[in-house]
């Protein structure tokens, strides 16, 4: 029961963080 819930939370966190990380990465390389 806990593992699927943890996976969902983890995926949601990555989806929230990824755009921000990508924006920072583009600034670094720009």
N, C-alpha and C. Protein backbone atom coordinates (compact mmCIF):
# COMPACT_ATOMS: atom_id res chain seq x y z
N UNK A 1 0.82 -1.21 0.00
CA UNK A 1 0.00 0.00 0.00
C UNK A 1 0.86 1.27 0.00
N UNK A 2 1.89 1.28 0.81
CA UNK A 2 2.68 2.51 0.94
C UNK A 2 3.55 2.77 -0.28
N UNK A 3 4.02 1.72 -0.94
CA UNK A 3 4.95 1.94 -2.05
C UNK A 3 4.31 2.70 -3.22
N UNK A 4 3.12 2.29 -3.71
CA UNK A 4 2.49 3.06 -4.80
C UNK A 4 2.25 4.51 -4.40
N UNK A 5 1.85 4.73 -3.16
CA UNK A 5 1.60 6.08 -2.68
C UNK A 5 2.89 6.89 -2.71
N UNK A 6 3.98 6.29 -2.25
CA UNK A 6 5.28 6.96 -2.26
C UNK A 6 5.70 7.26 -3.70
N UNK A 7 5.47 6.31 -4.60
CA UNK A 7 5.84 6.50 -6.00
C UNK A 7 5.06 7.68 -6.59
N UNK A 8 3.79 7.77 -6.27
CA UNK A 8 2.97 8.87 -6.79
C UNK A 8 3.49 10.21 -6.26
N UNK A 9 3.82 10.26 -4.98
CA UNK A 9 4.35 11.49 -4.40
C UNK A 9 5.67 11.86 -5.07
N UNK A 10 6.52 10.84 -5.28
CA UNK A 10 7.83 11.08 -5.87
C UNK A 10 7.69 11.60 -7.30
N UNK A 11 6.81 10.99 -8.08
CA UNK A 11 6.58 11.43 -9.47
C UNK A 11 6.05 12.86 -9.48
N UNK A 12 5.12 13.15 -8.58
CA UNK A 12 4.54 14.49 -8.53
C UNK A 12 5.63 15.50 -8.19
N UNK A 13 6.51 15.16 -7.28
CA UNK A 13 7.58 16.07 -6.90
C UNK A 13 8.50 16.34 -8.09
N UNK A 14 8.84 15.30 -8.84
CA UNK A 14 9.71 15.46 -10.00
C UNK A 14 9.05 16.34 -11.05
N UNK A 15 7.76 16.12 -11.28
CA UNK A 15 7.04 16.93 -12.27
C UNK A 15 7.02 18.39 -11.85
N UNK A 16 6.91 18.65 -10.53
CA UNK A 16 6.90 20.03 -10.05
C UNK A 16 8.29 20.66 -10.15
N UNK A 17 9.32 19.89 -9.84
CA UNK A 17 10.68 20.43 -9.78
C UNK A 17 11.33 20.52 -11.15
N UNK A 18 11.05 19.58 -12.03
CA UNK A 18 11.77 19.49 -13.30
C UNK A 18 11.74 20.78 -14.12
N UNK A 19 10.58 21.42 -14.31
CA UNK A 19 10.56 22.68 -15.09
C UNK A 19 11.48 23.74 -14.49
N UNK A 20 11.53 23.83 -13.18
CA UNK A 20 12.39 24.81 -12.52
C UNK A 20 13.85 24.47 -12.76
N UNK A 21 14.19 23.19 -12.59
CA UNK A 21 15.56 22.74 -12.81
C UNK A 21 15.97 22.99 -14.25
N UNK A 22 15.08 22.71 -15.17
CA UNK A 22 15.37 22.90 -16.60
C UNK A 22 15.61 24.38 -16.89
N UNK A 23 14.82 25.24 -16.28
CA UNK A 23 14.99 26.68 -16.50
C UNK A 23 16.35 27.14 -15.97
N UNK A 24 16.73 26.65 -14.80
CA UNK A 24 18.04 26.99 -14.25
C UNK A 24 19.15 26.48 -15.15
N UNK A 25 19.00 25.27 -15.66
CA UNK A 25 20.02 24.68 -16.53
C UNK A 25 20.18 25.51 -17.81
N UNK A 26 19.07 25.97 -18.36
CA UNK A 26 19.14 26.79 -19.57
C UNK A 26 19.86 28.11 -19.28
N UNK A 27 19.63 28.68 -18.11
CA UNK A 27 20.31 29.92 -17.75
C UNK A 27 21.82 29.68 -17.62
N UNK A 28 22.19 28.53 -17.05
CA UNK A 28 23.61 28.20 -16.88
C UNK A 28 24.30 28.05 -18.23
N UNK A 29 23.63 27.41 -19.18
CA UNK A 29 24.25 27.13 -20.48
C UNK A 29 24.15 28.33 -21.41
N UNK A 30 23.17 29.21 -21.18
CA UNK A 30 22.95 30.33 -22.08
C UNK A 30 24.14 31.30 -22.04
